[in-house]
Protein backbone atom coordinates (compact mmCIF):
# COMPACT_ATOMS: atom_id res chain seq x y z
CA MET A 1 -17.36 17.17 8.84
CA ILE A 2 -18.02 14.25 11.19
CA THR A 3 -15.83 14.26 14.28
CA ASP A 4 -15.00 11.48 16.72
CA SER A 5 -17.63 12.68 19.14
CA SER A 6 -20.39 13.14 16.53
CA ARG A 7 -19.83 10.09 14.36
CA PRO A 8 -22.89 7.86 14.07
CA GLU A 9 -22.55 4.21 15.06
CA GLU A 10 -20.51 2.35 12.46
CA ALA A 11 -22.23 -0.07 10.16
CA THR A 12 -21.88 -3.72 10.97
CA LEU A 13 -19.74 -5.96 8.82
CA ARG A 14 -22.82 -7.95 7.81
CA GLY A 15 -24.63 -4.79 6.77
CA LEU A 16 -21.72 -3.71 4.57
CA LEU A 17 -21.51 -7.08 2.85
CA HIS A 18 -25.23 -6.95 2.10
CA GLY A 19 -24.52 -3.94 -0.11
CA ARG A 20 -24.18 -5.18 -3.69
CA ASP A 21 -22.13 -2.22 -4.88
CA PHE A 22 -19.74 -2.45 -1.94
CA ARG A 23 -19.22 -6.16 -2.63
CA ARG A 24 -18.44 -5.47 -6.26
CA LEU A 25 -15.93 -2.74 -5.43
CA LEU A 26 -14.37 -5.04 -2.85
CA ALA A 27 -14.07 -7.80 -5.45
CA VAL A 28 -12.17 -5.46 -7.79
CA ARG A 29 -9.77 -4.52 -5.01
CA MET A 30 -9.13 -8.09 -3.93
CA LEU A 31 -8.54 -9.40 -7.45
CA SER A 32 -6.27 -6.44 -8.27
CA GLN A 33 -4.17 -6.89 -5.16
CA LEU A 34 -4.09 -10.68 -5.45
CA SER A 35 -2.47 -10.09 -8.84
CA ASP A 36 -0.05 -7.57 -7.30
CA GLY A 37 1.11 -10.15 -4.77
CA VAL A 38 1.96 -12.67 -7.47
CA PHE A 39 3.68 -10.01 -9.59
CA GLN A 40 5.74 -8.64 -6.70
CA VAL A 41 7.06 -12.07 -5.73
CA SER A 42 8.25 -12.63 -9.28
CA LEU A 43 9.98 -9.25 -9.12
CA ALA A 44 11.59 -10.03 -5.75
CA ALA A 45 12.74 -13.44 -6.96
CA SER A 46 14.26 -11.98 -10.11
CA VAL A 47 15.97 -8.93 -8.59
CA ILE A 48 16.65 -9.67 -4.91
CA PHE A 49 16.69 -13.46 -4.44
CA SER A 50 18.28 -14.50 -7.70
CA PRO A 51 20.97 -17.17 -7.11
CA GLU A 52 23.24 -15.35 -9.57
CA LYS A 53 23.13 -12.01 -7.71
CA GLU A 54 24.34 -10.71 -4.35
CA SER A 55 21.75 -8.06 -3.60
CA SER A 56 22.48 -5.26 -1.14
CA PRO A 57 20.28 -2.66 0.59
CA ALA A 58 21.45 -0.20 -2.08
CA ASP A 59 20.13 -2.52 -4.81
CA ILE A 60 16.76 -2.66 -3.07
CA ALA A 61 16.69 1.13 -2.73
CA ALA A 62 17.52 1.54 -6.42
CA VAL A 63 14.73 -0.83 -7.48
CA LEU A 64 12.21 0.94 -5.23
CA ALA A 65 13.27 4.32 -6.62
CA VAL A 66 12.81 3.14 -10.20
CA MET A 67 9.45 1.57 -9.36
CA LEU A 68 7.92 4.31 -7.20
CA LEU A 69 9.46 7.73 -7.79
CA PRO A 70 8.19 8.27 -11.35
CA PHE A 71 4.62 7.86 -10.14
CA SER A 72 5.38 10.29 -7.32
CA VAL A 73 5.91 12.91 -10.03
CA ILE A 74 2.76 12.17 -12.03
CA GLY A 75 0.59 11.14 -9.08
CA PRO A 76 -0.87 14.56 -8.21
CA PHE A 77 -1.74 15.14 -11.86
CA ALA A 78 -3.38 11.73 -11.99
CA GLY A 79 -5.55 13.01 -9.15
CA VAL A 80 -6.96 15.64 -11.52
CA MET A 81 -8.09 12.76 -13.74
CA LEU A 82 -9.57 10.84 -10.82
CA ASP A 83 -11.71 13.90 -10.07
CA ARG A 84 -12.96 14.02 -13.68
CA TRP A 85 -12.83 10.57 -15.22
CA ARG A 86 -15.43 8.02 -14.22
CA ARG A 87 -13.63 6.03 -11.55
CA ARG A 88 -15.24 2.80 -12.71
CA GLN A 89 -13.55 3.29 -16.07
CA VAL A 90 -10.23 3.86 -14.33
CA LEU A 91 -10.59 0.49 -12.60
CA LEU A 92 -11.66 -1.26 -15.80
CA LEU A 93 -9.13 0.19 -18.25
CA GLY A 94 -6.29 0.29 -15.72
CA ASN A 95 -6.55 -3.43 -15.06
CA LEU A 96 -6.87 -4.19 -18.77
CA ALA A 97 -3.67 -2.24 -19.36
CA ARG A 98 -1.92 -4.21 -16.61
CA PHE A 99 -3.07 -7.44 -18.24
CA VAL A 100 -1.34 -6.45 -21.48
CA LEU A 101 1.78 -5.18 -19.69
CA GLY A 102 1.95 -8.38 -17.62
CA LEU A 103 2.03 -10.52 -20.74
CA ALA A 104 4.73 -8.27 -22.21
CA THR A 105 6.78 -8.58 -19.00
CA ALA A 106 6.54 -12.38 -19.13
CA GLY A 107 7.81 -12.25 -22.70
CA LEU A 108 10.80 -10.15 -21.62
CA LEU A 109 11.68 -12.70 -18.93
CA LEU A 110 11.48 -15.59 -21.37
CA ALA A 111 13.67 -13.69 -23.83
CA ASN A 112 16.28 -12.97 -21.13
CA ALA A 113 15.92 -9.26 -21.86
CA SER A 114 18.05 -6.73 -20.00
CA ASP A 115 17.20 -5.76 -16.43
CA GLN A 116 16.45 -2.23 -17.64
CA LEU A 117 13.65 -3.39 -19.96
CA PHE A 118 12.24 -5.68 -17.29
CA LEU A 119 12.22 -2.87 -14.69
CA MET A 120 10.60 -0.49 -17.17
CA ALA A 121 7.72 -2.90 -17.75
CA ALA A 122 7.42 -3.49 -14.00
CA LEU A 123 7.45 0.29 -13.47
CA LEU A 124 4.39 0.72 -15.68
CA VAL A 125 2.50 -2.07 -13.92
CA THR A 126 3.28 -0.57 -10.51
CA ALA A 127 2.41 2.98 -11.57
CA LEU A 128 -1.02 1.80 -12.70
CA ASN A 129 -1.39 -0.10 -9.43
CA ARG A 130 -1.01 3.04 -7.34
CA PHE A 131 -3.41 4.90 -9.65
CA ILE A 132 -6.02 2.16 -9.23
CA LEU A 133 -5.63 2.00 -5.44
CA ALA A 134 -6.13 5.78 -5.19
CA GLY A 135 -9.27 5.42 -7.30
CA LEU A 136 -10.60 2.61 -5.10
CA SER A 137 -10.13 4.71 -1.96
CA ALA A 138 -11.74 7.78 -3.55
CA ALA A 139 -14.71 5.67 -4.70
CA LEU A 140 -15.40 3.95 -1.38
CA PRO A 141 -17.63 6.70 0.11
CA ARG A 142 -19.84 6.38 -2.99
CA VAL A 143 -20.91 2.85 -1.98
CA VAL A 144 -20.88 3.19 1.84
CA GLU A 145 -22.92 5.40 4.17
CA PRO A 146 -20.88 7.87 6.28
CA GLY A 147 -21.49 5.87 9.44
CA GLY A 148 -19.93 2.80 7.86
CA LEU A 149 -16.65 4.31 6.71
CA VAL A 150 -14.55 3.09 9.65
CA THR A 151 -15.76 -0.48 9.21
CA ALA A 152 -15.40 -0.23 5.42
CA ASN A 153 -11.86 1.10 5.76
CA ALA A 154 -11.08 -1.70 8.19
CA LEU A 155 -12.44 -4.32 5.80
CA SER A 156 -11.72 -3.19 2.24
CA PRO A 157 -8.01 -2.19 2.25
CA THR A 158 -7.25 -4.92 4.77
CA LEU A 159 -8.81 -7.67 2.69
CA GLY A 160 -6.97 -6.22 -0.28
CA THR A 161 -3.72 -6.49 1.61
CA VAL A 162 -4.56 -10.03 2.70
CA ALA A 163 -5.30 -10.84 -0.96
CA ALA A 164 -1.90 -9.42 -1.93
CA ALA A 165 -0.30 -11.59 0.74
CA ALA A 166 -2.21 -14.61 -0.59
CA GLY A 167 -0.89 -13.85 -4.05
CA GLY A 168 2.57 -13.57 -2.60
CA GLY A 169 2.08 -16.88 -0.84
CA LEU A 170 1.10 -18.48 -4.13
CA GLY A 171 4.28 -17.10 -5.66
CA PHE A 172 6.42 -18.37 -2.81
CA VAL A 173 4.92 -21.86 -3.11
CA VAL A 174 5.56 -21.96 -6.85
CA HIS A 175 9.16 -20.92 -6.30
CA GLN A 176 9.63 -23.71 -3.79
CA LEU A 177 8.21 -26.29 -6.21
CA LEU A 178 9.91 -25.13 -9.43
CA PRO A 179 13.59 -24.46 -10.13
CA PRO A 180 14.46 -20.75 -9.76
CA GLY A 181 14.93 -18.96 -13.05
CA GLY A 182 13.38 -16.89 -15.78
CA ARG A 183 10.81 -19.52 -16.81
CA THR A 184 9.34 -19.71 -13.32
CA ASP A 185 9.26 -15.92 -13.00
CA ALA A 186 7.59 -15.65 -16.43
CA ALA A 187 4.96 -18.21 -15.42
CA LEU A 188 4.16 -16.20 -12.30
CA VAL A 189 3.87 -12.95 -14.25
CA THR A 190 1.49 -14.66 -16.68
CA VAL A 191 -0.68 -15.79 -13.76
CA ALA A 192 -0.67 -12.20 -12.47
CA ALA A 193 -1.71 -10.93 -15.91
CA MET A 194 -4.70 -13.28 -16.01
CA LEU A 195 -5.75 -12.12 -12.55
CA TYR A 196 -5.53 -8.50 -13.73
CA LEU A 197 -7.92 -9.46 -16.51
CA SER A 198 -10.34 -10.95 -13.96
CA ALA A 199 -10.18 -7.68 -11.98
CA ALA A 200 -11.10 -5.74 -15.12
CA LEU A 201 -14.07 -8.05 -15.72
CA ALA A 202 -15.19 -7.54 -12.10
CA ALA A 203 -15.01 -3.74 -12.57
CA GLN A 204 -17.19 -4.02 -15.66
CA ARG A 205 -20.05 -5.26 -13.45
CA ILE A 206 -20.18 -1.88 -11.65
CA SER A 207 -22.48 0.80 -13.04
CA PRO A 208 -20.34 3.26 -15.06
CA ASP A 209 -21.48 6.37 -13.16
CA LEU A 210 -21.83 4.88 -9.68
CA LEU A 211 -18.33 5.64 -8.37
CA GLY A 212 -18.34 9.31 -9.34
CA PRO A 213 -17.09 11.91 -9.39
CA GLU A 214 -20.06 14.27 -9.52
CA ILE A 215 -20.34 16.15 -12.81
CA HIS A 216 -20.58 19.93 -12.46
CA PRO A 217 -21.69 21.88 -15.55
CA ASP A 218 -19.19 24.67 -14.92
CA ARG A 219 -16.25 22.30 -14.46
CA PRO A 220 -13.47 22.75 -17.08
CA SER A 221 -12.86 19.99 -19.58
CA LEU A 222 -10.16 17.42 -18.94
CA ALA A 223 -7.85 19.04 -21.50
CA GLU A 224 -8.23 22.41 -19.79
CA ALA A 225 -7.80 20.79 -16.38
CA LEU A 226 -4.55 19.10 -17.41
CA GLY A 227 -3.34 22.43 -18.72
CA THR A 228 -3.88 23.92 -15.28
CA ALA A 229 -3.04 20.77 -13.28
CA TRP A 230 -0.55 22.57 -11.06
CA HIS A 231 -3.22 25.06 -9.99
CA GLU A 232 -5.62 22.19 -9.39
CA LEU A 233 -3.06 20.48 -7.19
CA LEU A 234 -2.50 23.66 -5.22
CA ALA A 235 -6.27 23.99 -4.81
CA GLY A 236 -6.35 20.50 -3.32
CA VAL A 237 -3.49 21.36 -0.98
CA ARG A 238 -5.22 24.60 0.07
CA HIS A 239 -8.42 22.68 0.73
CA LEU A 240 -6.47 20.28 2.93
CA VAL A 241 -4.65 22.97 4.89
CA ARG A 242 -7.59 25.36 5.23
CA ASP A 243 -10.51 23.02 5.82
CA CYS A 244 -9.16 19.57 6.65
CA ARG A 245 -6.67 19.86 9.49
CA PRO A 246 -7.52 16.40 10.90
CA ALA A 247 -6.67 14.95 7.49
CA VAL A 248 -3.36 16.86 7.38
CA HIS A 249 -2.36 15.52 10.78
CA ALA A 250 -3.41 12.00 9.81
CA LEU A 251 -1.40 12.13 6.56
CA ALA A 252 1.68 13.27 8.47
CA ALA A 253 1.31 10.46 11.00
CA VAL A 254 0.72 7.73 8.42
CA THR A 255 3.72 8.98 6.41
CA VAL A 256 5.92 8.58 9.48
CA ALA A 257 4.55 5.07 10.00
CA ARG A 258 5.18 4.23 6.35
CA PHE A 259 8.79 5.45 6.59
CA CYS A 260 9.44 3.24 9.60
CA TYR A 261 7.74 0.29 7.92
CA GLY A 262 9.94 0.79 4.85
CA VAL A 263 13.12 0.73 6.92
CA LEU A 264 12.05 -2.47 8.65
CA ILE A 265 11.11 -4.15 5.37
CA VAL A 266 14.66 -3.65 4.08
CA VAL A 267 16.01 -5.01 7.38
CA VAL A 268 13.83 -8.12 7.11
CA LEU A 269 14.82 -8.62 3.47
CA MET A 270 18.52 -8.58 4.36
CA LEU A 271 18.05 -10.77 7.43
CA SER A 272 16.10 -13.31 5.36
CA ARG A 273 18.70 -13.31 2.60
CA TYR A 274 21.95 -13.41 4.61
CA THR A 275 21.35 -14.02 8.37
CA PHE A 276 18.46 -16.43 8.77
CA ASN A 277 19.75 -18.43 5.77
CA GLY A 278 23.08 -19.00 4.11
CA ALA A 279 24.03 -16.46 1.44
CA GLU A 280 23.97 -19.21 -1.19
CA ASP A 281 20.48 -20.41 -0.17
CA SER A 282 18.35 -17.98 -2.16
CA ALA A 283 15.33 -20.33 -2.08
CA GLY A 284 15.52 -20.52 1.72
CA GLY A 285 15.76 -16.74 1.93
CA LEU A 286 12.67 -16.33 -0.23
CA ALA A 287 10.81 -18.88 1.92
CA THR A 288 11.74 -16.97 5.09
CA LEU A 289 10.53 -13.74 3.55
CA GLY A 290 7.30 -15.55 2.63
CA ARG A 291 6.75 -16.48 6.27
CA ALA A 292 7.32 -12.86 7.32
CA VAL A 293 4.77 -11.72 4.74
CA LEU A 294 2.29 -14.30 6.02
CA PHE A 295 2.68 -13.14 9.63
CA SER A 296 2.32 -9.53 8.52
CA ALA A 297 -0.87 -10.43 6.63
CA VAL A 298 -2.28 -11.95 9.82
CA GLY A 299 -1.54 -8.64 11.50
CA PHE A 300 -3.38 -6.75 8.77
CA PHE A 301 -6.38 -9.04 9.27
CA LEU A 302 -6.32 -8.48 13.03
CA ALA A 303 -6.28 -4.73 12.41
CA ALA A 304 -9.50 -5.08 10.42
CA VAL A 305 -11.08 -7.00 13.28
CA VAL A 306 -10.06 -4.77 16.19
CA SER A 307 -9.94 -1.27 14.63
CA PRO A 308 -13.72 -0.60 14.57
CA TRP A 309 -13.95 -1.64 18.24
CA CYS A 310 -10.87 0.42 19.19
CA THR A 311 -12.01 3.54 17.35
CA ARG A 312 -15.38 3.43 19.09
CA ARG A 313 -13.60 3.53 22.44
CA LEU A 314 -10.47 5.56 21.70
CA GLY A 315 -11.57 7.59 18.69
CA LEU A 316 -9.67 7.63 15.43
CA THR A 317 -6.89 9.82 16.80
CA GLY A 318 -6.57 7.77 19.97
CA TRP A 319 -6.26 4.48 18.09
CA MET A 320 -3.69 5.92 15.67
CA THR A 321 -1.61 7.26 18.56
CA THR A 322 -1.80 3.89 20.31
CA CYS A 323 -0.57 2.09 17.18
CA LEU A 324 2.44 4.41 16.81
CA ALA A 325 3.32 4.21 20.50
CA ALA A 326 3.00 0.42 20.58
CA ALA A 327 5.46 0.09 17.70
CA ALA A 328 7.97 2.20 19.60
CA VAL A 329 7.91 -0.46 22.33
CA PHE A 330 7.82 -3.79 20.49
CA VAL A 331 10.18 -2.96 17.61
CA PRO A 332 13.34 -2.89 19.80
CA ALA A 333 12.04 -5.60 22.14
CA LEU A 334 11.58 -8.07 19.28
CA GLY A 335 14.03 -6.70 16.73
CA LEU A 336 17.26 -6.44 18.67
CA PRO A 337 17.75 -10.21 19.16
CA PHE A 338 18.00 -10.53 15.33
CA ALA A 339 16.47 -13.98 15.62
CA GLU A 340 13.86 -15.46 13.30
CA VAL A 341 11.06 -16.23 15.79
CA PRO A 342 10.99 -12.74 17.40
CA ALA A 343 11.22 -11.23 13.91
CA MET A 344 8.11 -13.12 12.82
CA ILE A 345 6.19 -11.92 15.89
CA ALA A 346 7.33 -8.38 15.11
CA ALA A 347 6.09 -8.80 11.51
CA LEU A 348 2.64 -9.74 12.82
CA LEU A 349 2.49 -6.75 15.19
CA LEU A 350 3.82 -4.41 12.50
CA GLY A 351 1.04 -5.55 10.19
CA LEU A 352 -1.51 -4.75 12.88
CA VAL A 353 -0.25 -1.27 13.78
CA THR A 354 0.60 -0.27 10.20
CA GLN A 355 -2.84 -1.18 8.93
CA GLY A 356 -4.43 0.32 12.04
CA THR A 357 -2.87 3.70 11.28
CA LYS A 358 -3.93 3.47 7.64
CA ILE A 359 -7.55 2.65 8.53
CA CYS A 360 -7.68 5.74 10.72
CA ALA A 361 -5.97 7.97 8.16
CA ASP A 362 -8.19 6.77 5.31
CA THR A 363 -11.32 7.48 7.33
CA LEU A 364 -10.19 10.94 8.45
CA VAL A 365 -9.32 11.91 4.89
CA GLN A 366 -12.59 10.58 3.47
CA GLU A 367 -14.68 12.32 6.14
CA SER A 368 -13.02 15.73 5.96
CA VAL A 369 -12.30 16.06 2.22
CA GLU A 370 -15.09 17.03 -0.18
CA ASP A 371 -15.83 14.61 -3.01
CA GLU A 372 -14.65 16.97 -5.77
CA TYR A 373 -11.19 17.11 -4.15
CA ARG A 374 -10.98 13.54 -2.92
CA GLY A 375 -9.22 12.06 -5.96
CA ARG A 376 -6.45 14.66 -5.79
CA VAL A 377 -6.03 14.21 -2.06
CA PHE A 378 -5.75 10.44 -2.33
CA ALA A 379 -3.24 10.84 -5.15
CA ILE A 380 -1.21 13.10 -2.84
CA TYR A 381 -1.65 10.46 -0.13
CA ASP A 382 -0.12 7.88 -2.49
CA VAL A 383 2.78 10.20 -3.31
CA LEU A 384 3.54 10.58 0.41
CA PHE A 385 3.43 6.79 0.73
CA ASN A 386 5.81 6.27 -2.18
CA VAL A 387 8.30 8.99 -1.30
CA SER A 388 8.49 8.00 2.36
CA PHE A 389 9.01 4.34 1.38
CA VAL A 390 11.79 5.15 -1.09
CA ALA A 391 13.36 7.57 1.39
CA ALA A 392 13.31 4.83 4.00
CA ALA A 393 15.09 2.43 1.64
CA GLY A 394 17.65 5.11 0.74
CA VAL A 395 18.43 5.94 4.35
CA THR A 396 18.65 2.27 5.27
CA ALA A 397 20.96 1.54 2.33
CA ALA A 398 23.42 4.10 3.66
CA VAL A 399 23.74 2.56 7.13
CA LEU A 400 22.58 -1.08 7.07
CA PRO A 401 25.19 -3.83 6.74
CA LEU A 402 24.64 -6.62 4.22
CA ASN A 403 23.45 -9.10 6.88
CA GLY A 404 20.78 -6.69 8.17
CA ARG A 405 22.04 -6.67 11.76
CA SER A 406 22.13 -3.08 13.04
CA ALA A 407 21.03 -2.16 16.55
CA ALA A 408 21.31 1.54 15.67
CA VAL A 409 18.78 1.19 12.85
CA VAL A 410 16.27 -0.70 15.01
CA ILE A 411 16.56 1.78 17.90
CA GLY A 412 16.34 4.70 15.48
CA VAL A 413 13.08 3.37 14.07
CA ALA A 414 11.66 3.01 17.58
CA VAL A 415 12.57 6.63 18.34
CA VAL A 416 10.84 7.84 15.16
CA TYR A 417 7.71 5.88 16.06
CA ALA A 418 7.72 7.44 19.56
CA LEU A 419 8.18 10.96 18.22
CA GLY A 420 5.39 10.37 15.71
CA ALA A 421 3.02 9.26 18.48
CA VAL A 422 3.79 12.29 20.66
CA LEU A 423 3.59 14.87 17.88
CA TYR A 424 0.43 13.44 16.36
CA SER A 425 -1.31 13.26 19.73
CA ARG A 426 -0.49 16.92 20.42
CA ALA A 427 -1.58 18.07 16.96
CA ALA A 428 -4.85 16.13 17.18
CA ARG A 429 -5.70 17.71 20.54
CA ARG A 430 -5.07 21.20 19.14
CA GLY A 431 -7.33 20.39 16.18
């Protein structure tokens, strides 16, 4: 395992981009997440910012639970597949499936189908999304030298997130230009479906065996592996706990950060819908949310720029601790006024520290987990992300008023960030 003190000098950004296989994998990620951004805006417009509905934090929590919890159940078992199926095929077929599901979702919107059918179709698209993202993360070390992982993890997921924000921005612009309603949402979903198709075509350009996993002659067949998936999952957990303590600590820290981020997203949604705009101005609320997403995307980009430099000087654990501690300071300072300008600055800084923690966690997991376990571990990583996000929405729904103004919630988030920084720093020092 490569530690902070023994890590070779990280590859330069130019050197990474000279790698053909890295560029192709990056193109798949960016096209996939660009599509996700368009799709998610259509979902938000239909469920949260519909002029006919008065959405509450509980409604948001319910939608997130429907969208994310089912994958949290199947996610670890999907990891067994990621450690056996060719990951290039996962990227290709997964995006093709999302293309078909996207067209079906657009048809449901045009037909004014029930919310249950619409959410079921959206659930399948989102479940495949998490599966594909786990596969992209597990495949990254196959196209990058070990010394370039920090820079690659700064660039690849961050550009993917920026692409998702760009897709969201496209959706927001369309909703400002067209009258809100099912036809506009269906048009956006159709655009997302075509982008999913382009991501599948980009994946097809990658060599089928390049992204792994390694094939071992004594490895059980997929059917046998699925039959013993629970034991496989436990083996992955044992590998984490026994041999990958830095990864365990990083996963705990990034889960805390994700929980806090989830709480603040619900707060911003409610502030955009009912405080920064009139309750009847759903288009204005969606535009305000779009600005918050844009500022957050700038923060994600800044994280990609500064994280390699910061990790060289502070180490991975030092930079992650700094991100958590910084959030504990600026969240109450900028959040308690409940004003739009400070909220936008907070969105930018949250993007920076949230992506900064993820860059560090991704790198620590990739460095300390063996390739044959990496798919399972990243599937577990995704489950932690999903469960913490849904838990955050559920907790927030219980205490947040409709207008999003709650000093107790903002201060509580700051306290959790501070505790996360202290506990992670101590655990990292103990090893």
